PDB file of N, CA and C in Angstrom:
ATOM      1  N   MET A   1     101.397 123.135 119.542  1.00  0.00           N
ATOM      2  CA  MET A   1     100.868 122.983 118.398  1.00  0.00           C
ATOM      3  C   MET A   1      99.532 122.379 118.283  1.00  0.00           C
ATOM      4  N   LYS A   2      98.637 123.142 117.790  1.00  0.00           N
ATOM      5  CA  LYS A   2      97.113 122.456 117.891  1.00  0.00           C
ATOM      6  C   LYS A   2      96.826 122.351 116.388  1.00  0.00           C
ATOM      7  N   PRO A   3      96.633 121.449 115.634  1.00  0.00           N
ATOM      8  CA  PRO A   3      96.399 121.368 114.246  1.00  0.00           C
ATOM      9  C   PRO A   3      94.962 121.477 113.973  1.00  0.00           C
ATOM     10  N   SER A   4      94.507 121.757 113.231  1.00  0.00           N
ATOM     11  CA  SER A   4      93.224 121.892 112.466  1.00  0.00           C
ATOM     12  C   SER A   4      92.249 120.663 112.857  1.00  0.00           C
ATOM     13  N   GLY A   5      91.116 120.772 113.416  1.00  0.00           N
ATOM     14  CA  GLY A   5      90.536 119.693 113.874  1.00  0.00           C
ATOM     15  C   GLY A   5      90.858 118.918 115.187  1.00  0.00           C
ATOM     16  N   ALA A   6      91.843 119.244 115.681  1.00  0.00           N
ATOM     17  CA  ALA A   6      92.383 118.581 116.955  1.00  0.00           C
ATOM     18  C   ALA A   6      91.235 118.813 118.055  1.00  0.00           C
ATOM     19  N   GLY A   7      90.406 119.855 117.925  1.00  0.00           N
ATOM     20  CA  GLY A   7      89.455 119.777 119.207  1.00  0.00           C
ATOM     21  C   GLY A   7      88.321 119.163 118.877  1.00  0.00           C
ATOM     22  N   ASN A   8      88.281 118.268 117.998  1.00  0.00           N
ATOM     23  CA  ASN A   8      87.253 117.247 117.842  1.00  0.00           C
ATOM     24  C   ASN A   8      87.534 115.715 117.149  1.00  0.00           C
ATOM     25  N   GLY A   9      88.801 115.377 117.844  1.00  0.00           N
ATOM     26  CA  GLY A   9      89.412 114.388 117.223  1.00  0.00           C
ATOM     27  C   GLY A   9      90.112 113.547 118.446  1.00  0.00           C
ATOM     28  N   GLY A  10      91.058 112.540 118.206  1.00  0.00           N
ATOM     29  CA  GLY A  10      91.761 111.947 119.115  1.00  0.00           C
ATOM     30  C   GLY A  10      92.838 111.088 118.487  1.00  0.00           C
ATOM     31  N   HIS A  11      93.182 110.083 119.681  1.00  0.00           N
ATOM     32  CA  HIS A  11      94.307 109.098 119.191  1.00  0.00           C
ATOM     33  C   HIS A  11      95.533 109.599 118.419  1.00  0.00           C
ATOM     34  N   GLY A  12      96.170 110.773 118.756  1.00  0.00           N
ATOM     35  CA  GLY A  12      97.111 111.278 118.090  1.00  0.00           C
ATOM     36  C   GLY A  12      98.465 110.398 118.062  1.00  0.00           C
ATOM     37  N   MET A  13      99.119 110.132 116.884  1.00  0.00           N
ATOM     38  CA  MET A  13     100.207 109.441 117.129  1.00  0.00           C
ATOM     39  C   MET A  13     101.376 110.165 116.016  1.00  0.00           C
ATOM     40  N   ILE A  14     102.594 109.887 116.110  1.00  0.00           N
ATOM     41  CA  ILE A  14     103.696 110.129 114.989  1.00  0.00           C
ATOM     42  C   ILE A  14     103.624 109.019 114.099  1.00  0.00           C
ATOM     43  N   LEU A  15     103.779 109.174 112.891  1.00  0.00           N
ATOM     44  CA  LEU A  15     103.814 108.259 111.838  1.00  0.00           C
ATOM     45  C   LEU A  15     105.152 108.856 111.055  1.00  0.00           C
ATOM     46  N   HIS A  16     106.267 107.839 110.880  1.00  0.00           N
ATOM     47  CA  HIS A  16     107.503 108.097 110.110  1.00  0.00           C
ATOM     48  C   HIS A  16     107.370 107.250 108.744  1.00  0.00           C
ATOM     49  N   THR A  17     107.083 108.030 107.529  1.00  0.00           N
ATOM     50  CA  THR A  17     106.450 107.216 106.330  1.00  0.00           C
ATOM     51  C   THR A  17     107.790 106.696 105.714  1.00  0.00           C
ATOM     52  N   THR A  18     107.507 105.951 104.795  1.00  0.00           N
ATOM     53  CA  THR A  18     108.871 104.994 104.234  1.00  0.00           C
ATOM     54  C   THR A  18     109.418 106.082 103.165  1.00  0.00           C
ATOM     55  N   ASN A  19     108.995 107.048 103.025  1.00  0.00           N
ATOM     56  CA  ASN A  19     109.645 108.205 102.221  1.00  0.00           C
ATOM     57  C   ASN A  19     110.434 109.283 103.203  1.00  0.00           C
ATOM     58  N   GLY A  20     110.514 108.871 104.730  1.00  0.00           N
ATOM     59  CA  GLY A  20     110.956 110.021 105.351  1.00  0.00           C
ATOM     60  C   GLY A  20     110.397 110.902 105.990  1.00  0.00           C
ATOM     61  N   GLN A  21     108.948 110.909 105.751  1.00  0.00           N
ATOM     62  CA  GLN A  21     108.358 112.176 106.248  1.00  0.00           C
ATOM     63  C   GLN A  21     107.665 111.842 107.583  1.00  0.00           C
ATOM     64  N   ASP A  22     107.827 112.805 108.463  1.00  0.00           N
ATOM     65  CA  ASP A  22     107.031 112.491 109.704  1.00  0.00           C
ATOM     66  C   ASP A  22     105.692 113.169 109.763  1.00  0.00           C
ATOM     67  N   CYS A  23     104.817 112.512 110.388  1.00  0.00           N
ATOM     68  CA  CYS A  23     103.477 113.033 110.280  1.00  0.00           C
ATOM     69  C   CYS A  23     102.726 112.682 111.663  1.00  0.00           C
ATOM     70  N   LEU A  24     101.996 113.948 111.973  1.00  0.00           N
ATOM     71  CA  LEU A  24     100.889 113.762 112.857  1.00  0.00           C
ATOM     72  C   LEU A  24      99.635 112.959 112.662  1.00  0.00           C
ATOM     73  N   VAL A  25      99.278 111.775 113.086  1.00  0.00           N
ATOM     74  CA  VAL A  25      98.123 111.425 112.754  1.00  0.00           C
ATOM     75  C   VAL A  25      97.163 111.211 113.713  1.00  0.00           C
ATOM     76  N   PHE A  26      95.858 111.580 113.308  1.00  0.00           N
ATOM     77  CA  PHE A  26      94.692 111.555 114.205  1.00  0.00           C
ATOM     78  C   PHE A  26      93.253 111.317 113.524  1.00  0.00           C
ATOM     79  N   HIS A  27      92.344 110.927 114.233  1.00  0.00           N
ATOM     80  CA  HIS A  27      91.093 111.019 113.694  1.00  0.00           C
ATOM     81  C   HIS A  27      90.045 112.116 113.901  1.00  0.00           C
ATOM     82  N   THR A  28      89.393 112.516 113.083  1.00  0.00           N
ATOM     83  CA  THR A  28      88.547 113.501 113.279  1.00  0.00           C
ATOM     84  C   THR A  28      87.386 113.348 112.238  1.00  0.00           C
ATOM     85  N   PRO A  29      86.124 113.820 112.485  1.00  0.00           N
ATOM     86  CA  PRO A  29      85.681 114.057 113.717  1.00  0.00           C
ATOM     87  C   PRO A  29      85.365 113.029 114.792  1.00  0.00           C
ATOM     88  N   ASN A  30      85.195 113.228 115.952  1.00  0.00           N
ATOM     89  CA  ASN A  30      84.919 112.157 117.120  1.00  0.00           C
ATOM     90  C   ASN A  30      83.518 111.893 117.083  1.00  0.00           C
ATOM     91  N   ASP A  31      83.209 111.217 115.934  1.00  0.00           N
ATOM     92  CA  ASP A  31      81.615 110.801 115.716  1.00  0.00           C
ATOM     93  C   ASP A  31      81.535 109.736 114.654  1.00  0.00           C
ATOM     94  N   THR A  32      81.279 108.731 115.456  1.00  0.00           N
ATOM     95  CA  THR A  32      80.971 107.434 114.883  1.00  0.00           C
ATOM     96  C   THR A  32      79.646 107.500 114.125  1.00  0.00           C
ATOM     97  N   PRO A  33      79.532 106.980 112.681  1.00  0.00           N
ATOM     98  CA  PRO A  33      80.726 106.435 111.913  1.00  0.00           C
ATOM     99  C   PRO A  33      81.416 107.298 111.094  1.00  0.00           C
ATOM    100  N   ASN A  34      81.785 108.506 111.352  1.00  0.00           N
ATOM    101  CA  ASN A  34      82.259 109.787 110.560  1.00  0.00           C
ATOM    102  C   ASN A  34      83.728 109.789 110.486  1.00  0.00           C
ATOM    103  N   GLU A  35      84.267 109.128 111.515  1.00  0.00           N
ATOM    104  CA  GLU A  35      85.798 109.468 111.603  1.00  0.00           C
ATOM    105  C   GLU A  35      86.667 109.187 110.461  1.00  0.00           C
ATOM    106  N   ARG A  36      87.875 109.864 110.133  1.00  0.00           N
ATOM    107  CA  ARG A  36      88.630 109.866 109.128  1.00  0.00           C
ATOM    108  C   ARG A  36      89.827 110.172 109.520  1.00  0.00           C
ATOM    109  N   VAL A  37      90.942 109.638 108.825  1.00  0.00           N
ATOM    110  CA  VAL A  37      92.222 109.858 109.231  1.00  0.00           C
ATOM    111  C   VAL A  37      92.547 111.282 109.077  1.00  0.00           C
ATOM    112  N   THR A  38      93.417 112.050 109.742  1.00  0.00           N
ATOM    113  CA  THR A  38      93.991 113.329 109.178  1.00  0.00           C
ATOM    114  C   THR A  38      95.395 113.222 109.343  1.00  0.00           C
ATOM    115  N   LEU A  39      96.162 113.869 108.284  1.00  0.00           N
ATOM    116  CA  LEU A  39      97.782 113.714 108.546  1.00  0.00           C
ATOM    117  C   LEU A  39      98.412 115.134 108.307  1.00  0.00           C
ATOM    118  N   ILE A  40      99.367 115.299 109.284  1.00  0.00           N
ATOM    119  CA  ILE A  40      99.722 116.710 109.292  1.00  0.00           C
ATOM    120  C   ILE A  40     101.124 116.315 109.209  1.00  0.00           C
ATOM    121  N   ASP A  41     101.843 117.005 108.293  1.00  0.00           N
ATOM    122  CA  ASP A  41     103.057 117.041 108.045  1.00  0.00           C
ATOM    123  C   ASP A  41     103.956 117.923 109.279  1.00  0.00           C
ATOM    124  N   VAL A  42     104.793 117.207 109.864  1.00  0.00           N
ATOM    125  CA  VAL A  42     105.583 117.647 111.120  1.00  0.00           C
ATOM    126  C   VAL A  42     107.193 117.269 110.704  1.00  0.00           C
ATOM    127  N   GLY A  43     107.858 118.288 111.340  1.00  0.00           N
ATOM    128  CA  GLY A  43     109.326 118.401 111.402  1.00  0.00           C
ATOM    129  C   GLY A  43     109.758 117.980 112.844  1.00  0.00           C
ATOM    130  N   ILE A  44     110.450 117.000 113.136  1.00  0.00           N
ATOM    131  CA  ILE A  44     110.846 116.809 114.800  1.00  0.00           C
ATOM    132  C   ILE A  44     112.425 117.048 114.839  1.00  0.00           C
ATOM    133  N   THR A  45     112.652 117.735 115.693  1.00  0.00           N
ATOM    134  CA  THR A  45     114.089 118.231 116.056  1.00  0.00           C
ATOM    135  C   THR A  45     114.243 118.213 117.537  1.00  0.00           C
ATOM    136  N   PRO A  46     115.232 118.304 118.024  1.00  0.00           N
ATOM    137  CA  PRO A  46     115.431 118.324 119.596  1.00  0.00           C
ATOM    138  C   PRO A  46     115.014 119.329 120.342  1.00  0.00           C
ATOM    139  N   ASP A  47     114.511 120.666 119.433  1.00  0.00           N
ATOM    140  CA  ASP A  47     113.925 121.722 119.947  1.00  0.00           C
ATOM    141  C   ASP A  47     112.276 121.396 119.970  1.00  0.00           C
ATOM    142  N   GLY A  48     111.830 120.422 119.422  1.00  0.00           N
ATOM    143  CA  GLY A  48     110.233 120.140 119.493  1.00  0.00           C
ATOM    144  C   GLY A  48     109.885 119.760 117.974  1.00  0.00           C
ATOM    145  N   ILE A  49     108.497 119.855 117.963  1.00  0.00           N
ATOM    146  CA  ILE A  49     107.668 119.385 116.746  1.00  0.00           C
ATOM    147  C   ILE A  49     107.219 120.769 115.876  1.00  0.00           C
ATOM    148  N   THR A  50     107.469 120.766 114.588  1.00  0.00           N
ATOM    149  CA  THR A  50     107.137 121.986 113.962  1.00  0.00           C
ATOM    150  C   THR A  50     105.917 121.436 112.822  1.00  0.00           C
ATOM    151  N   TYR A  51     104.817 122.252 112.779  1.00  0.00           N
ATOM    152  CA  TYR A  51     104.026 121.955 111.840  1.00  0.00           C
ATOM    153  C   TYR A  51     104.506 122.571 110.339  1.00  0.00           C
ATOM    154  N   LEU A  52     104.260 121.499 109.457  1.00  0.00           N
ATOM    155  CA  LEU A  52     105.056 121.933 108.094  1.00  0.00           C
ATOM    156  C   LEU A  52     103.757 121.886 106.968  1.00  0.00           C
ATOM    157  N   GLY A  53     102.594 121.576 107.453  1.00  0.00           N
ATOM    158  CA  GLY A  53     101.390 121.872 106.558  1.00  0.00           C
ATOM    159  C   GLY A  53     100.330 120.316 106.450  1.00  0.00           C
ATOM    160  N   PRO A  54      99.521 120.353 105.823  1.00  0.00           N
ATOM    161  CA  PRO A  54      98.582 119.311 105.738  1.00  0.00           C
ATOM    162  C   PRO A  54      99.503 118.133 105.091  1.00  0.00           C
ATOM    163  N   GLY A  55      98.856 116.979 105.467  1.00  0.00           N
ATOM    164  CA  GLY A  55      99.755 115.467 105.024  1.00  0.00           C
ATOM    165  C   GLY A  55      99.978 115.432 103.615  1.00  0.00           C
ATOM    166  N   HIS A  56     100.475 116.103 102.706  1.00  0.00           N
ATOM    167  CA  HIS A  56     100.687 116.054 101.323  1.00  0.00           C
ATOM    168  C   HIS A  56     101.905 115.157 101.063  1.00  0.00           C
ATOM    169  N   GLY A  57     102.902 115.535 101.971  1.00  0.00           N
ATOM    170  CA  GLY A  57     104.231 114.961 101.638  1.00  0.00           C
ATOM    171  C   GLY A  57     104.225 113.237 102.157  1.00  0.00           C
ATOM    172  N   ALA A  58     103.000 112.783 102.663  1.00  0.00           N
ATOM    173  CA  ALA A  58     103.269 111.668 103.542  1.00  0.00           C
ATOM    174  C   ALA A  58     103.298 110.596 102.321  1.00  0.00           C
ATOM    175  N   GLY A  59     102.974 110.766 100.983  1.00  0.00           N
ATOM    176  CA  GLY A  59     103.184 109.597 100.117  1.00  0.00           C
ATOM    177  C   GLY A  59     102.118 108.606 100.042  1.00  0.00           C
ATOM    178  N   LEU A  60     101.145 108.855 100.690  1.00  0.00           N
ATOM    179  CA  LEU A  60      99.893 107.854 100.932  1.00  0.00           C
ATOM    180  C   LEU A  60      98.869 108.061 100.213  1.00  0.00           C
ATOM    181  N   PRO A  61      98.240 107.262  99.964  1.00  0.00           N
ATOM    182  CA  PRO A  61      96.772 107.272  98.922  1.00  0.00           C
ATOM    183  C   PRO A  61      95.989 108.121  99.910  1.00  0.00           C
ATOM    184  N   PRO A  62      94.945 108.601  99.512  1.00  0.00           N
ATOM    185  CA  PRO A  62      93.596 109.256 100.164  1.00  0.00           C
ATOM    186  C   PRO A  62      93.034 108.131 100.884  1.00  0.00           C
ATOM    187  N   ALA A  63      92.558 108.918 101.954  1.00  0.00           N
ATOM    188  CA  ALA A  63      91.582 107.613 102.935  1.00  0.00           C
ATOM    189  C   ALA A  63      90.601 107.465 101.967  1.00  0.00           C
ATOM    190  N   PRO A  64      89.900 106.064 102.159  1.00  0.00           N
ATOM    191  CA  PRO A  64      88.751 105.747 101.615  1.00  0.00           C
ATOM    192  C   PRO A  64      87.827 106.325 102.158  1.00  0.00           C
ATOM    193  N   GLY A  65      86.476 106.166 101.359  1.00  0.00           N
ATOM    194  CA  GLY A  65      85.378 106.815 101.598  1.00  0.00           C
ATOM    195  C   GLY A  65      84.685 106.057 102.919  1.00  0.00           C
ATOM    196  N   PRO A  66      83.235 106.366 103.517  1.00  0.00           N
ATOM    197  CA  PRO A  66      82.790 105.626 104.510  1.00  0.00           C
ATOM    198  C   PRO A  66      82.871 104.148 104.568  1.00  0.00           C
ATOM    199  N   VAL A  67      83.153 103.579 105.627  1.00  0.00           N
ATOM    200  CA  VAL A  67      82.976 102.126 105.678  1.00  0.00           C
ATOM    201  C   VAL A  67      81.841 101.627 106.309  1.00  0.00           C
ATOM    202  N   ARG A  68      80.958 101.020 105.808  1.00  0.00           N
ATOM    203  CA  ARG A  68      79.652 100.610 106.366  1.00  0.00           C
ATOM    204  C   ARG A  68      79.892  99.157 106.845  1.00  0.00           C
ATOM    205  N   HIS A  69      79.093  98.856 108.103  1.00  0.00           N
ATOM    206  CA  HIS A  69      79.345  97.637 108.525  1.00  0.00           C
ATOM    207  C   HIS A  69      77.759  96.874 108.505  1.00  0.00           C
TER     208      HIS A  69
END
């Protein structure tokens, strides 16, 4: 499985949300200070990981805009 944007991102992790949805989480693009979180809903079974779609089922608020230091 190669999610959209994965060619220019990193730090992939699986997140299990409080509402029971599993998500692949990574940042993209790999371009400081423009990195943003990307959530991809996935299903995890003994056979592997299945792409379910964009991270709409995560029940999380949208990512904030750019953070300036």
